[in-house]
């Protein structure tokens, strides 16, 4: 039976990550618009509630390629105290993960507009590995002890983070997957595990003139037995409504994004990544959509808003 090369490529990636004992967290190009997906300290740092949906379809044209959707909410609940809630559905090949996470953050006001937020994250992931139901029973070899049957289990995990910010710039550091869960355990052997991920983020808002702002940002992602992922972005903001820019992910992709504030409360964005890695021969790229809705507790929008 002829097997689709796209399926084989994705299965090899999934099985390779299992053998390497390192399950990668999903990544987003538009992370700068809601950093609570990376850092629990970000939850509630603004004086309004922020909700939204972020969806990414990676490697279009490759069957079984990653598809990730996240719904989130974060808000201040008391002086200097914030909370967040997020739901994520992540699919790659035969692996499906549904996660729910709760964030709690506390902000320390350092004076002169400088603040440091500290946060913790806790949650659970319902993971299903259905190799044969999702690849028509053709791959892999069913005699392999690892893949003799489908797997389903619930895993718990935690994370921590810090976020330093002013109205003009920010720097963040966070660690996820602190518990290093193992899965696919057969005969006292483990064939896969979550590993800790470290994220470093930073950005600055430059005022060019009354109408234009320039917003460079960066993100570094580090995980055991994986190369460091480096994201570099440069956006221009016009009239505090229209934002557009370019992005580059080292040795992986480059792309463009656009974001528009439809109303003071509603914003929508889109990003496209052109793949430059070895997968580019088989995919038209990756697409990402974000929808953000802010609920203001005060009658007026802040006179000195932050643009991150």
C-alpha atoms as a PDB file:
ATOM      1  CA  UNK A   1       0.000   0.000   0.000  1.00  0.00           C
ATOM      2  CA  UNK A   2       1.363   3.420  -0.943  1.00  0.00           C
ATOM      3  CA  UNK A   3       1.696   5.685   2.070  1.00  0.00           C
ATOM      4  CA  UNK A   4       1.369   9.454   1.835  1.00  0.00           C
ATOM      5  CA  UNK A   5       4.807  11.021   2.240  1.00  0.00           C
ATOM      6  CA  UNK A   6       3.325  13.808   4.346  1.00  0.00           C
ATOM      7  CA  UNK A   7       2.019  11.299   6.884  1.00  0.00           C
ATOM      8  CA  UNK A   8       5.372   9.566   7.022  1.00  0.00           C
ATOM      9  CA  UNK A   9       7.131  12.892   7.627  1.00  0.00           C
ATOM     10  CA  UNK A  10       4.891  13.823  10.537  1.00  0.00           C
ATOM     11  CA  UNK A  11       5.012  10.342  12.072  1.00  0.00           C
ATOM     12  CA  UNK A  12       8.794  10.410  11.915  1.00  0.00           C
ATOM     13  CA  UNK A  13       8.796  13.754  13.711  1.00  0.00           C
ATOM     14  CA  UNK A  14       6.439  12.473  16.410  1.00  0.00           C
ATOM     15  CA  UNK A  15       8.282   9.203  16.902  1.00  0.00           C
ATOM     16  CA  UNK A  16      11.602  10.995  16.866  1.00  0.00           C
ATOM     17  CA  UNK A  17      10.470  13.271  19.665  1.00  0.00           C
ATOM     18  CA  UNK A  18       9.290  10.285  21.670  1.00  0.00           C
ATOM     19  CA  UNK A  19      12.557   8.438  21.259  1.00  0.00           C
ATOM     20  CA  UNK A  20      14.403  11.617  22.217  1.00  0.00           C
ATOM     21  CA  UNK A  21      12.231  11.838  25.336  1.00  0.00           C
ATOM     22  CA  UNK A  22      11.389  15.473  24.612  1.00  0.00           C
ATOM     23  CA  UNK A  23       7.863  16.641  23.827  1.00  0.00           C
ATOM     24  CA  UNK A  24       7.916  20.219  22.461  1.00  0.00           C
ATOM     25  CA  UNK A  25       5.480  22.900  23.608  1.00  0.00           C
ATOM     26  CA  UNK A  26       3.524  24.580  20.796  1.00  0.00           C
ATOM     27  CA  UNK A  27       4.743  27.964  19.626  1.00  0.00           C
ATOM     28  CA  UNK A  28       2.959  31.015  18.261  1.00  0.00           C
ATOM     29  CA  UNK A  29       4.185  33.834  16.046  1.00  0.00           C
ATOM     30  CA  UNK A  30       1.821  36.376  17.669  1.00  0.00           C
ATOM     31  CA  UNK A  31       2.898  35.571  21.230  1.00  0.00           C
ATOM     32  CA  UNK A  32       3.488  39.290  21.977  1.00  0.00           C
ATOM     33  CA  UNK A  33      -0.255  40.013  22.000  1.00  0.00           C
ATOM     34  CA  UNK A  34      -0.943  37.614  24.874  1.00  0.00           C
ATOM     35  CA  UNK A  35       2.132  36.501  26.764  1.00  0.00           C
ATOM     36  CA  UNK A  36       0.124  34.634  29.395  1.00  0.00           C
ATOM     37  CA  UNK A  37       0.402  31.603  27.085  1.00  0.00           C
ATOM     38  CA  UNK A  38       4.151  31.642  27.847  1.00  0.00           C
ATOM     39  CA  UNK A  39       4.436  33.329  31.219  1.00  0.00           C
ATOM     40  CA  UNK A  40       2.014  33.098  34.185  1.00  0.00           C
ATOM     41  CA  UNK A  41       3.359  36.392  35.574  1.00  0.00           C
ATOM     42  CA  UNK A  42       1.687  38.238  32.666  1.00  0.00           C
ATOM     43  CA  UNK A  43      -1.806  37.374  33.935  1.00  0.00           C
ATOM     44  CA  UNK A  44      -3.632  40.418  35.250  1.00  0.00           C
ATOM     45  CA  UNK A  45      -0.863  43.020  34.829  1.00  0.00           C
ATOM     46  CA  UNK A  46      -3.287  45.351  33.030  1.00  0.00           C
ATOM     47  CA  UNK A  47      -6.235  47.117  34.682  1.00  0.00           C
ATOM     48  CA  UNK A  48      -8.769  45.290  32.499  1.00  0.00           C
ATOM     49  CA  UNK A  49      -9.865  41.754  31.648  1.00  0.00           C
ATOM     50  CA  UNK A  50      -8.427  40.327  28.438  1.00  0.00           C
ATOM     51  CA  UNK A  51      -9.955  37.336  26.657  1.00  0.00           C
ATOM     52  CA  UNK A  52      -9.231  35.796  23.307  1.00  0.00           C
ATOM     53  CA  UNK A  53      -8.641  32.901  20.959  1.00  0.00           C
ATOM     54  CA  UNK A  54      -5.376  32.046  19.209  1.00  0.00           C
ATOM     55  CA  UNK A  55      -5.333  29.428  16.435  1.00  0.00           C
ATOM     56  CA  UNK A  56      -2.326  28.116  14.493  1.00  0.00           C
ATOM     57  CA  UNK A  57      -2.314  25.768  11.512  1.00  0.00           C
ATOM     58  CA  UNK A  58       1.287  24.735  10.932  1.00  0.00           C
ATOM     59  CA  UNK A  59       2.841  23.327   7.755  1.00  0.00           C
ATOM     60  CA  UNK A  60      -0.243  23.584   5.531  1.00  0.00           C
ATOM     61  CA  UNK A  61      -0.468  20.697   3.078  1.00  0.00           C
ATOM     62  CA  UNK A  62       1.250  18.221   5.391  1.00  0.00           C
ATOM     63  CA  UNK A  63      -1.273  15.693   6.644  1.00  0.00           C
ATOM     64  CA  UNK A  64      -1.135  15.321  10.412  1.00  0.00           C
ATOM     65  CA  UNK A  65       0.810  18.580  10.863  1.00  0.00           C
ATOM     66  CA  UNK A  66       0.384  20.535  14.126  1.00  0.00           C
ATOM     67  CA  UNK A  67      -2.947  22.274  14.697  1.00  0.00           C
ATOM     68  CA  UNK A  68      -3.184  24.286  17.925  1.00  0.00           C
ATOM     69  CA  UNK A  69      -6.031  26.350  19.401  1.00  0.00           C
ATOM     70  CA  UNK A  70      -5.913  28.262  22.686  1.00  0.00           C
ATOM     71  CA  UNK A  71      -8.707  30.133  24.475  1.00  0.00           C
ATOM     72  CA  UNK A  72      -7.641  32.349  27.351  1.00  0.00           C
ATOM     73  CA  UNK A  73      -8.767  34.872  29.941  1.00  0.00           C
ATOM     74  CA  UNK A  74      -6.764  36.876  32.449  1.00  0.00           C
ATOM     75  CA  UNK A  75      -7.746  39.702  34.756  1.00  0.00           C
ATOM     76  CA  UNK A  76      -6.796  41.603  37.911  1.00  0.00           C
ATOM     77  CA  UNK A  77      -8.873  40.471  40.904  1.00  0.00           C
ATOM     78  CA  UNK A  78      -7.429  42.618  43.702  1.00  0.00           C
ATOM     79  CA  UNK A  79      -4.701  45.187  44.194  1.00  0.00           C
ATOM     80  CA  UNK A  80      -1.549  43.801  42.519  1.00  0.00           C
ATOM     81  CA  UNK A  81      -3.142  40.336  42.197  1.00  0.00           C
ATOM     82  CA  UNK A  82      -4.087  38.740  38.878  1.00  0.00           C
ATOM     83  CA  UNK A  83      -5.442  35.397  37.701  1.00  0.00           C
ATOM     84  CA  UNK A  84      -5.676  33.667  34.352  1.00  0.00           C
ATOM     85  CA  UNK A  85      -7.383  30.658  32.808  1.00  0.00           C
ATOM     86  CA  UNK A  86      -6.544  28.963  29.509  1.00  0.00           C
ATOM     87  CA  UNK A  87      -7.695  25.981  27.474  1.00  0.00           C
ATOM     88  CA  UNK A  88      -5.577  24.454  24.711  1.00  0.00           C
ATOM     89  CA  UNK A  89      -6.218  21.804  22.072  1.00  0.00           C
ATOM     90  CA  UNK A  90      -3.069  20.593  20.305  1.00  0.00           C
ATOM     91  CA  UNK A  91      -2.958  17.959  17.547  1.00  0.00           C
ATOM     92  CA  UNK A  92       0.111  16.574  15.787  1.00  0.00           C
ATOM     93  CA  UNK A  93      -0.153  13.323  13.854  1.00  0.00           C
ATOM     94  CA  UNK A  94      -1.600  10.677  16.180  1.00  0.00           C
ATOM     95  CA  UNK A  95      -1.152  12.766  19.343  1.00  0.00           C
ATOM     96  CA  UNK A  96      -4.005  14.873  20.766  1.00  0.00           C
ATOM     97  CA  UNK A  97      -3.613  16.984  23.902  1.00  0.00           C
ATOM     98  CA  UNK A  98      -6.327  18.961  25.700  1.00  0.00           C
ATOM     99  CA  UNK A  99      -4.999  21.166  28.487  1.00  0.00           C
ATOM    100  CA  UNK A 100      -6.446  23.475  31.115  1.00  0.00           C
ATOM    101  CA  UNK A 101      -4.212  25.812  33.129  1.00  0.00           C
ATOM    102  CA  UNK A 102      -4.701  28.340  35.915  1.00  0.00           C
ATOM    103  CA  UNK A 103      -2.296  31.260  36.434  1.00  0.00           C
ATOM    104  CA  UNK A 104      -1.847  33.408  39.532  1.00  0.00           C
ATOM    105  CA  UNK A 105       0.401  36.485  39.553  1.00  0.00           C
ATOM    106  CA  UNK A 106       1.429  39.180  42.009  1.00  0.00           C
ATOM    107  CA  UNK A 107       2.833  42.532  40.881  1.00  0.00           C
ATOM    108  CA  UNK A 108       5.394  44.466  42.907  1.00  0.00           C
ATOM    109  CA  UNK A 109       5.369  48.207  42.169  1.00  0.00           C
ATOM    110  CA  UNK A 110       8.991  49.370  42.142  1.00  0.00           C
ATOM    111  CA  UNK A 111       8.296  53.060  41.681  1.00  0.00           C
ATOM    112  CA  UNK A 112       8.702  55.521  38.795  1.00  0.00           C
ATOM    113  CA  UNK A 113       6.512  53.360  36.553  1.00  0.00           C
ATOM    114  CA  UNK A 114       8.574  50.185  36.961  1.00  0.00           C
ATOM    115  CA  UNK A 115       6.907  46.913  38.014  1.00  0.00           C
ATOM    116  CA  UNK A 116       7.871  43.280  38.536  1.00  0.00           C
ATOM    117  CA  UNK A 117       5.217  40.556  38.327  1.00  0.00           C
ATOM    118  CA  UNK A 118       5.805  37.030  39.652  1.00  0.00           C
ATOM    119  CA  UNK A 119       3.539  34.157  38.684  1.00  0.00           C
ATOM    120  CA  UNK A 120       2.833  30.457  39.030  1.00  0.00           C
ATOM    121  CA  UNK A 121       0.963  28.107  36.716  1.00  0.00           C
ATOM    122  CA  UNK A 122      -0.765  24.796  37.413  1.00  0.00           C
ATOM    123  CA  UNK A 123      -2.860  22.567  35.218  1.00  0.00           C
ATOM    124  CA  UNK A 124      -3.679  19.232  33.664  1.00  0.00           C
ATOM    125  CA  UNK A 125      -3.303  17.748  30.184  1.00  0.00           C
ATOM    126  CA  UNK A 126      -5.497  14.973  28.806  1.00  0.00           C
ATOM    127  CA  UNK A 127      -3.294  13.194  26.280  1.00  0.00           C
ATOM    128  CA  UNK A 128      -4.351  10.619  23.685  1.00  0.00           C
ATOM    129  CA  UNK A 129      -1.925   8.780  21.408  1.00  0.00           C
ATOM    130  CA  UNK A 130      -4.002   6.900  18.841  1.00  0.00           C
ATOM    131  CA  UNK A 131      -1.479   5.718  16.289  1.00  0.00           C
ATOM    132  CA  UNK A 132      -3.594   3.172  14.463  1.00  0.00           C
ATOM    133  CA  UNK A 133      -6.908   4.973  14.538  1.00  0.00           C
ATOM    134  CA  UNK A 134      -5.293   8.069  12.993  1.00  0.00           C
ATOM    135  CA  UNK A 135      -2.949   6.550  10.422  1.00  0.00           C
ATOM    136  CA  UNK A 136      -5.260   3.809   9.123  1.00  0.00           C
ATOM    137  CA  UNK A 137      -3.256   1.051  10.785  1.00  0.00           C
ATOM    138  CA  UNK A 138      -0.396   1.325   8.307  1.00  0.00           C
ATOM    139  CA  UNK A 139       2.301   2.802  10.529  1.00  0.00           C
ATOM    140  CA  UNK A 140       4.209   2.022  12.631  1.00  0.00           C
ATOM    141  CA  UNK A 141       5.038  -1.673  13.155  1.00  0.00           C
ATOM    142  CA  UNK A 142       2.376  -2.982  15.520  1.00  0.00           C
ATOM    143  CA  UNK A 143       4.784  -5.574  16.913  1.00  0.00           C
ATOM    144  CA  UNK A 144       6.749  -2.734  18.541  1.00  0.00           C
ATOM    145  CA  UNK A 145       6.034  -2.857  22.280  1.00  0.00           C
ATOM    146  CA  UNK A 146       5.605   0.926  22.405  1.00  0.00           C
ATOM    147  CA  UNK A 147       2.854   1.007  19.809  1.00  0.00           C
ATOM    148  CA  UNK A 148       1.006  -2.240  20.470  1.00  0.00           C
ATOM    149  CA  UNK A 149      -2.031  -0.262  21.661  1.00  0.00           C
ATOM    150  CA  UNK A 150      -3.363   3.287  21.835  1.00  0.00           C
ATOM    151  CA  UNK A 151      -2.575   5.339  24.926  1.00  0.00           C
ATOM    152  CA  UNK A 152      -4.717   7.747  26.962  1.00  0.00           C
ATOM    153  CA  UNK A 153      -3.804   9.438  30.236  1.00  0.00           C
ATOM    154  CA  UNK A 154      -4.040  12.630  32.289  1.00  0.00           C
ATOM    155  CA  UNK A 155      -0.864  14.457  33.271  1.00  0.00           C
ATOM    156  CA  UNK A 156      -0.423  17.312  35.753  1.00  0.00           C
ATOM    157  CA  UNK A 157       2.156  20.043  35.438  1.00  0.00           C
ATOM    158  CA  UNK A 158       3.329  23.414  36.736  1.00  0.00           C
ATOM    159  CA  UNK A 159       5.325  26.476  35.751  1.00  0.00           C
ATOM    160  CA  UNK A 160       6.726  29.742  37.105  1.00  0.00           C
ATOM    161  CA  UNK A 161       7.542  33.125  35.616  1.00  0.00           C
ATOM    162  CA  UNK A 162       8.669  36.709  36.133  1.00  0.00           C
ATOM    163  CA  UNK A 163       7.724  39.753  34.056  1.00  0.00           C
ATOM    164  CA  UNK A 164       9.425  43.148  34.426  1.00  0.00           C
ATOM    165  CA  UNK A 165       7.712  46.051  32.674  1.00  0.00           C
ATOM    166  CA  UNK A 166       7.115  49.760  32.248  1.00  0.00           C
ATOM    167  CA  UNK A 167       4.851  51.519  29.741  1.00  0.00           C
ATOM    168  CA  UNK A 168       7.681  51.392  27.186  1.00  0.00           C
ATOM    169  CA  UNK A 169       9.450  48.058  27.521  1.00  0.00           C
ATOM    170  CA  UNK A 170       9.335  44.615  29.089  1.00  0.00           C
ATOM    171  CA  UNK A 171      11.470  41.565  29.827  1.00  0.00           C
ATOM    172  CA  UNK A 172      10.097  38.181  30.796  1.00  0.00           C
ATOM    173  CA  UNK A 173      11.425  34.819  31.948  1.00  0.00           C
ATOM    174  CA  UNK A 174       9.394  31.661  32.515  1.00  0.00           C
ATOM    175  CA  UNK A 175       9.759  27.901  32.887  1.00  0.00           C
ATOM    176  CA  UNK A 176       7.010  25.410  31.994  1.00  0.00           C
ATOM    177  CA  UNK A 177       6.702  21.623  32.413  1.00  0.00           C
ATOM    178  CA  UNK A 178       8.485  21.619  35.764  1.00  0.00           C
ATOM    179  CA  UNK A 179       7.191  18.161  36.719  1.00  0.00           C
ATOM    180  CA  UNK A 180       8.825  16.328  33.756  1.00  0.00           C
ATOM    181  CA  UNK A 181       5.986  13.844  33.267  1.00  0.00           C
ATOM    182  CA  UNK A 182       6.666  10.554  31.503  1.00  0.00           C
ATOM    183  CA  UNK A 183       4.279   8.729  29.187  1.00  0.00           C
ATOM    184  CA  UNK A 184       4.258   5.646  26.974  1.00  0.00           C
ATOM    185  CA  UNK A 185       5.787   3.559  29.763  1.00  0.00           C
ATOM    186  CA  UNK A 186       6.081  -0.143  28.886  1.00  0.00           C
ATOM    187  CA  UNK A 187       7.833  -2.837  30.918  1.00  0.00           C
ATOM    188  CA  UNK A 188       9.550  -0.245  33.145  1.00  0.00           C
ATOM    189  CA  UNK A 189      10.812   1.626  30.092  1.00  0.00           C
ATOM    190  CA  UNK A 190       9.742   5.170  29.258  1.00  0.00           C
ATOM    191  CA  UNK A 191       9.513   6.217  25.631  1.00  0.00           C
ATOM    192  CA  UNK A 192       8.391   9.816  26.025  1.00  0.00           C
ATOM    193  CA  UNK A 193       8.322  12.669  28.502  1.00  0.00           C
ATOM    194  CA  UNK A 194       7.604  16.353  28.924  1.00  0.00           C
ATOM    195  CA  UNK A 195      10.725  18.401  29.513  1.00  0.00           C
ATOM    196  CA  UNK A 196      11.124  21.835  31.048  1.00  0.00           C
ATOM    197  CA  UNK A 197      10.894  24.730  28.584  1.00  0.00           C
ATOM    198  CA  UNK A 198      12.506  28.082  29.331  1.00  0.00           C
ATOM    199  CA  UNK A 199      11.270  31.260  27.643  1.00  0.00           C
ATOM    200  CA  UNK A 200      12.990  34.638  27.487  1.00  0.00           C
ATOM    201  CA  UNK A 201      11.015  37.530  26.007  1.00  0.00           C
ATOM    202  CA  UNK A 202      11.715  41.206  25.539  1.00  0.00           C
ATOM    203  CA  UNK A 203      10.334  44.192  23.701  1.00  0.00           C
ATOM    204  CA  UNK A 204      10.376  47.980  23.419  1.00  0.00           C
ATOM    205  CA  UNK A 205       7.921  50.597  22.140  1.00  0.00           C
ATOM    206  CA  UNK A 206       9.605  53.514  20.341  1.00  0.00           C
ATOM    207  CA  UNK A 207       7.595  56.681  19.667  1.00  0.00           C
ATOM    208  CA  UNK A 208       8.481  57.759  16.119  1.00  0.00           C
ATOM    209  CA  UNK A 209       5.995  60.642  16.061  1.00  0.00           C
ATOM    210  CA  UNK A 210       2.454  61.352  17.208  1.00  0.00           C
ATOM    211  CA  UNK A 211       0.952  58.689  14.930  1.00  0.00           C
ATOM    212  CA  UNK A 212       3.661  56.047  14.505  1.00  0.00           C
ATOM    213  CA  UNK A 213       5.302  53.648  16.958  1.00  0.00           C
ATOM    214  CA  UNK A 214       7.989  51.028  16.315  1.00  0.00           C
ATOM    215  CA  UNK A 215       7.783  47.779  18.310  1.00  0.00           C
ATOM    216  CA  UNK A 216      10.705  45.314  18.097  1.00  0.00           C
ATOM    217  CA  UNK A 217      10.417  42.144  20.190  1.00  0.00           C
ATOM    218  CA  UNK A 218      12.164  38.832  20.657  1.00  0.00           C
ATOM    219  CA  UNK A 219      11.565  35.416  22.177  1.00  0.00           C
ATOM    220  CA  UNK A 220      14.039  32.624  22.975  1.00  0.00           C
ATOM    221  CA  UNK A 221      12.745  29.128  23.710  1.00  0.00           C
ATOM    222  CA  UNK A 222      15.059  26.502  25.192  1.00  0.00           C
ATOM    223  CA  UNK A 223      14.314  22.843  25.921  1.00  0.00           C
ATOM    224  CA  UNK A 224      16.388  19.753  26.690  1.00  0.00           C
ATOM    225  CA  UNK A 225      17.762  17.935  23.626  1.00  0.00           C
ATOM    226  CA  UNK A 226      16.304  20.569  21.283  1.00  0.00           C
ATOM    227  CA  UNK A 227      17.953  23.466  19.459  1.00  0.00           C
ATOM    228  CA  UNK A 228      17.343  26.952  20.830  1.00  0.00           C
ATOM    229  CA  UNK A 229      14.432  28.649  19.050  1.00  0.00           C
ATOM    230  CA  UNK A 230      14.969  32.372  18.408  1.00  0.00           C
ATOM    231  CA  UNK A 231      12.112  34.623  17.249  1.00  0.00           C
ATOM    232  CA  UNK A 232      12.818  38.187  16.081  1.00  0.00           C
ATOM    233  CA  UNK A 233       9.941  40.537  15.245  1.00  0.00           C
ATOM    234  CA  UNK A 234       9.639  44.158  14.141  1.00  0.00           C
ATOM    235  CA  UNK A 235       6.205  45.812  14.042  1.00  0.00           C
ATOM    236  CA  UNK A 236       4.960  49.287  13.199  1.00  0.00           C
ATOM    237  CA  UNK A 237       1.852  50.676  14.926  1.00  0.00           C
ATOM    238  CA  UNK A 238      -0.171  53.428  13.257  1.00  0.00           C
ATOM    239  CA  UNK A 239      -2.684  55.588  15.118  1.00  0.00           C
ATOM    240  CA  UNK A 240      -2.897  52.956  17.887  1.00  0.00           C
ATOM    241  CA  UNK A 241      -5.095  50.859  15.570  1.00  0.00           C
ATOM    242  CA  UNK A 242      -3.259  49.283  12.638  1.00  0.00           C
ATOM    243  CA  UNK A 243      -0.165  47.210  13.332  1.00  0.00           C
ATOM    244  CA  UNK A 244       1.934  45.294  10.817  1.00  0.00           C
ATOM    245  CA  UNK A 245       5.410  43.825  10.676  1.00  0.00           C
ATOM    246  CA  UNK A 246       7.796  41.023   9.863  1.00  0.00           C
ATOM    247  CA  UNK A 247       9.159  38.107  11.849  1.00  0.00           C
ATOM    248  CA  UNK A 248      12.055  35.677  11.573  1.00  0.00           C
ATOM    249  CA  UNK A 249      12.510  32.375  13.375  1.00  0.00           C
ATOM    250  CA  UNK A 250      16.159  31.317  13.218  1.00  0.00           C
ATOM    251  CA  UNK A 251      16.765  28.422  10.791  1.00  0.00           C
ATOM    252  CA  UNK A 252      13.018  27.762  10.547  1.00  0.00           C
ATOM    253  CA  UNK A 253      10.890  30.462   8.912  1.00  0.00           C
ATOM    254  CA  UNK A 254      10.229  34.095   8.140  1.00  0.00           C
ATOM    255  CA  UNK A 255       6.893  35.788   7.751  1.00  0.00           C
ATOM    256  CA  UNK A 256       4.581  38.738   8.172  1.00  0.00           C
ATOM    257  CA  UNK A 257       1.761  39.737  10.482  1.00  0.00           C
ATOM    258  CA  UNK A 258      -1.008  42.307  10.589  1.00  0.00           C
ATOM    259  CA  UNK A 259      -3.225  43.347  13.492  1.00  0.00           C
ATOM    260  CA  UNK A 260      -6.160  45.764  13.579  1.00  0.00           C
ATOM    261  CA  UNK A 261      -8.054  47.248  16.518  1.00  0.00           C
ATOM    262  CA  UNK A 262     -11.648  47.296  15.252  1.00  0.00           C
ATOM    263  CA  UNK A 263     -12.978  48.987  18.389  1.00  0.00           C
ATOM    264  CA  UNK A 264     -11.284  50.029  21.656  1.00  0.00           C
ATOM    265  CA  UNK A 265     -12.242  46.585  22.978  1.00  0.00           C
ATOM    266  CA  UNK A 266     -11.891  44.291  19.952  1.00  0.00           C
ATOM    267  CA  UNK A 267      -8.762  43.406  17.987  1.00  0.00           C
ATOM    268  CA  UNK A 268      -8.041  40.800  15.302  1.00  0.00           C
ATOM    269  CA  UNK A 269      -4.720  39.657  13.845  1.00  0.00           C
ATOM    270  CA  UNK A 270      -3.227  37.319  11.251  1.00  0.00           C
ATOM    271  CA  UNK A 271       0.285  35.945  10.714  1.00  0.00           C
ATOM    272  CA  UNK A 272       1.850  33.902   7.925  1.00  0.00           C
ATOM    273  CA  UNK A 273       5.127  31.974   8.183  1.00  0.00           C
ATOM    274  CA  UNK A 274       7.091  30.839   5.132  1.00  0.00           C
ATOM    275  CA  UNK A 275       9.060  27.734   6.058  1.00  0.00           C
ATOM    276  CA  UNK A 276      12.803  27.771   5.312  1.00  0.00           C
ATOM    277  CA  UNK A 277      13.688  24.451   6.972  1.00  0.00           C
ATOM    278  CA  UNK A 278      13.763  21.050   5.241  1.00  0.00           C
ATOM    279  CA  UNK A 279       9.942  20.913   5.365  1.00  0.00           C
ATOM    280  CA  UNK A 280       9.528  23.761   2.866  1.00  0.00           C
ATOM    281  CA  UNK A 281       9.367  21.384  -0.112  1.00  0.00           C
ATOM    282  CA  UNK A 282       6.096  19.920   1.143  1.00  0.00           C
ATOM    283  CA  UNK A 283       4.185  22.842   2.665  1.00  0.00           C
ATOM    284  CA  UNK A 284       2.808  26.218   1.645  1.00  0.00           C
ATOM    285  CA  UNK A 285       3.569  27.642   5.089  1.00  0.00           C
ATOM    286  CA  UNK A 286       1.873  28.189   8.441  1.00  0.00           C
ATOM    287  CA  UNK A 287      -1.139  30.376   9.241  1.00  0.00           C
ATOM    288  CA  UNK A 288      -2.188  31.940  12.527  1.00  0.00           C
ATOM    289  CA  UNK A 289      -5.218  33.952  13.661  1.00  0.00           C
ATOM    290  CA  UNK A 290      -5.784  35.822  16.921  1.00  0.00           C
ATOM    291  CA  UNK A 291      -8.946  37.442  18.280  1.00  0.00           C
ATOM    292  CA  UNK A 292      -8.684  39.645  21.393  1.00  0.00           C
ATOM    293  CA  UNK A 293     -11.474  41.214  23.428  1.00  0.00           C
ATOM    294  CA  UNK A 294     -10.807  43.541  26.366  1.00  0.00           C
ATOM    295  CA  UNK A 295     -13.329  44.346  29.085  1.00  0.00           C
ATOM    296  CA  UNK A 296     -12.538  47.611  30.859  1.00  0.00           C
ATOM    297  CA  UNK A 297     -13.491  47.997  34.503  1.00  0.00           C
ATOM    298  CA  UNK A 298     -13.152  51.777  34.379  1.00  0.00           C
ATOM    299  CA  UNK A 299     -15.387  54.024  32.299  1.00  0.00           C
ATOM    300  CA  UNK A 300     -12.414  55.426  30.396  1.00  0.00           C
ATOM    301  CA  UNK A 301      -9.515  53.685  28.719  1.00  0.00           C
ATOM    302  CA  UNK A 302      -6.180  54.322  30.457  1.00  0.00           C
ATOM    303  CA  UNK A 303      -4.533  57.591  29.394  1.00  0.00           C
ATOM    304  CA  UNK A 304      -1.118  55.835  29.287  1.00  0.00           C
ATOM    305  CA  UNK A 305      -1.792  52.407  27.838  1.00  0.00           C
ATOM    306  CA  UNK A 306       0.794  49.698  27.235  1.00  0.00           C
ATOM    307  CA  UNK A 307       1.121  48.319  23.738  1.00  0.00           C
ATOM    308  CA  UNK A 308       2.157  44.769  24.669  1.00  0.00           C
END
